[in-house]
Structures are given as C-alpha cells and as structure tokens.
Amino acid sequence: MDSLVANIARKERRYLRVLHVDVNEHPDLAVRFRVRAVPTLVLVMQGRVVERIEGRVSATMLVRTLESHLIEETASGTRS
C-alpha cells in the first residue's frame, strides 16, 4: 500500500499530504485514529476522518477510494 499511496500523493501533491506513522513508536496516534490493524489508511479531510481502509486492499480499490474523495472536494469547491 505504501508505494501506491506515495505515487498518488506525488500525483496529487497540491491536494494530498501523506504521513506514515509507526504505531509502535506512536501508540497515542494509533488510539486517536482507532488503528486496529496494520496496514491502516486513515483519510482525514478538514480535520475529520472521512475514510478508513484496514488491511490489504487491491490497488484498484485504493485508487478509486482516494480519487473519489479528491473528486468530491473538487465538486464541493474546496479543491481549487
């Protein structure tokens, strides 16, 4: 998941910031974002969690999920 997310982040760098957190080093963040499995992707937009993907997923599903949120931001006028 890391390399795929990194590629999407590079492509959409104006709109997307990706942070990798080691939950063993930062258990407080694991609790805050309710991480129960590794890997977990938590998509936060405007300060709130809008999507959570736990475990391994296909590249197609991951891309569709992330891009759908980017498209929603464009449609709402937030992404300019």
Protein backbone atom coordinates (compact mmCIF):
# COMPACT_ATOMS: atom_id res chain seq x y z
CA MET A 1 0.00 0.00 0.00
CA ASP A 2 2.89 2.39 0.77
CA SER A 3 4.26 2.74 -2.75
CA LEU A 4 0.82 3.08 -4.32
CA VAL A 5 -0.23 5.78 -1.84
CA ALA A 6 3.10 7.53 -2.36
CA ASN A 7 2.53 7.57 -6.13
CA ILE A 8 -0.95 9.04 -5.71
CA ALA A 9 0.42 11.60 -3.25
CA ARG A 10 3.06 12.68 -5.77
CA LYS A 11 0.45 12.99 -8.50
CA GLU A 12 -1.95 14.95 -6.28
CA ARG A 13 0.66 16.76 -4.15
CA ARG A 14 -1.28 20.02 -4.31
CA TYR A 15 -4.27 18.37 -2.64
CA LEU A 16 -2.96 15.42 -0.65
CA ARG A 17 -0.38 15.01 2.08
CA VAL A 18 0.61 11.52 3.14
CA LEU A 19 2.09 10.72 6.52
CA HIS A 20 3.40 7.32 7.57
CA VAL A 21 3.14 6.64 11.28
CA ASP A 22 4.76 3.72 13.09
CA VAL A 23 2.05 2.74 15.59
CA ASN A 24 4.64 1.10 17.86
CA GLU A 25 6.50 4.38 18.17
CA HIS A 26 3.32 6.49 18.40
CA PRO A 27 0.65 4.46 20.20
CA ASP A 28 -1.17 7.68 21.08
CA LEU A 29 -1.92 8.27 17.40
CA ALA A 30 -2.99 4.65 16.97
CA VAL A 31 -5.54 5.18 19.75
CA ARG A 32 -6.64 8.59 18.47
CA PHE A 33 -7.31 7.25 14.96
CA ARG A 34 -8.59 3.86 16.16
CA VAL A 35 -5.97 1.81 14.31
CA ARG A 36 -6.77 -1.86 14.94
CA ALA A 37 -4.90 -3.47 12.06
CA VAL A 38 -1.77 -2.83 10.07
CA PRO A 39 -1.80 -1.51 7.45
CA THR A 40 -4.49 1.08 8.04
CA LEU A 41 -5.07 4.12 5.89
CA VAL A 42 -6.99 6.94 7.55
CA LEU A 43 -8.10 9.73 5.24
CA VAL A 44 -8.62 13.00 7.11
CA MET A 45 -10.18 15.97 5.35
CA GLN A 46 -10.67 19.32 7.03
CA GLY A 47 -9.90 17.79 10.40
CA ARG A 48 -12.27 14.84 10.31
CA VAL A 49 -11.90 11.20 9.35
CA VAL A 50 -13.78 10.60 6.10
CA GLU A 51 -12.47 7.17 5.16
CA ARG A 52 -10.72 4.24 6.80
CA ILE A 53 -9.18 1.29 4.99
CA GLU A 54 -7.86 -1.54 7.14
CA GLY A 55 -5.74 -4.40 5.92
CA ARG A 56 -4.53 -5.11 2.43
CA VAL A 57 -6.71 -3.95 -0.45
CA SER A 58 -6.35 -4.07 -4.19
CA ALA A 59 -4.65 -1.19 -5.94
CA THR A 60 -7.85 -0.56 -7.89
CA MET A 61 -9.93 -0.20 -4.72
CA LEU A 62 -7.38 2.06 -3.08
CA VAL A 63 -7.10 4.36 -6.11
CA ARG A 64 -10.87 4.54 -6.54
CA THR A 65 -11.39 5.38 -2.89
CA LEU A 66 -8.77 8.12 -2.75
CA GLU A 67 -9.74 9.61 -6.10
CA SER A 68 -13.43 9.63 -5.18
CA HIS A 69 -12.64 11.87 -2.22
CA LEU A 70 -10.45 14.13 -4.34
CA ILE A 71 -13.30 14.41 -6.87
CA GLU A 72 -15.78 15.20 -4.09
CA GLU A 73 -13.51 18.00 -2.92
CA THR A 74 -13.37 19.38 -6.44
CA ALA A 75 -17.16 19.24 -6.77
CA SER A 76 -17.68 20.96 -3.42
CA GLY A 77 -15.33 23.76 -4.41
CA THR A 78 -12.79 23.04 -1.69
CA ARG A 79 -10.19 21.76 -4.10
CA SER A 80 -9.11 24.54 -6.43
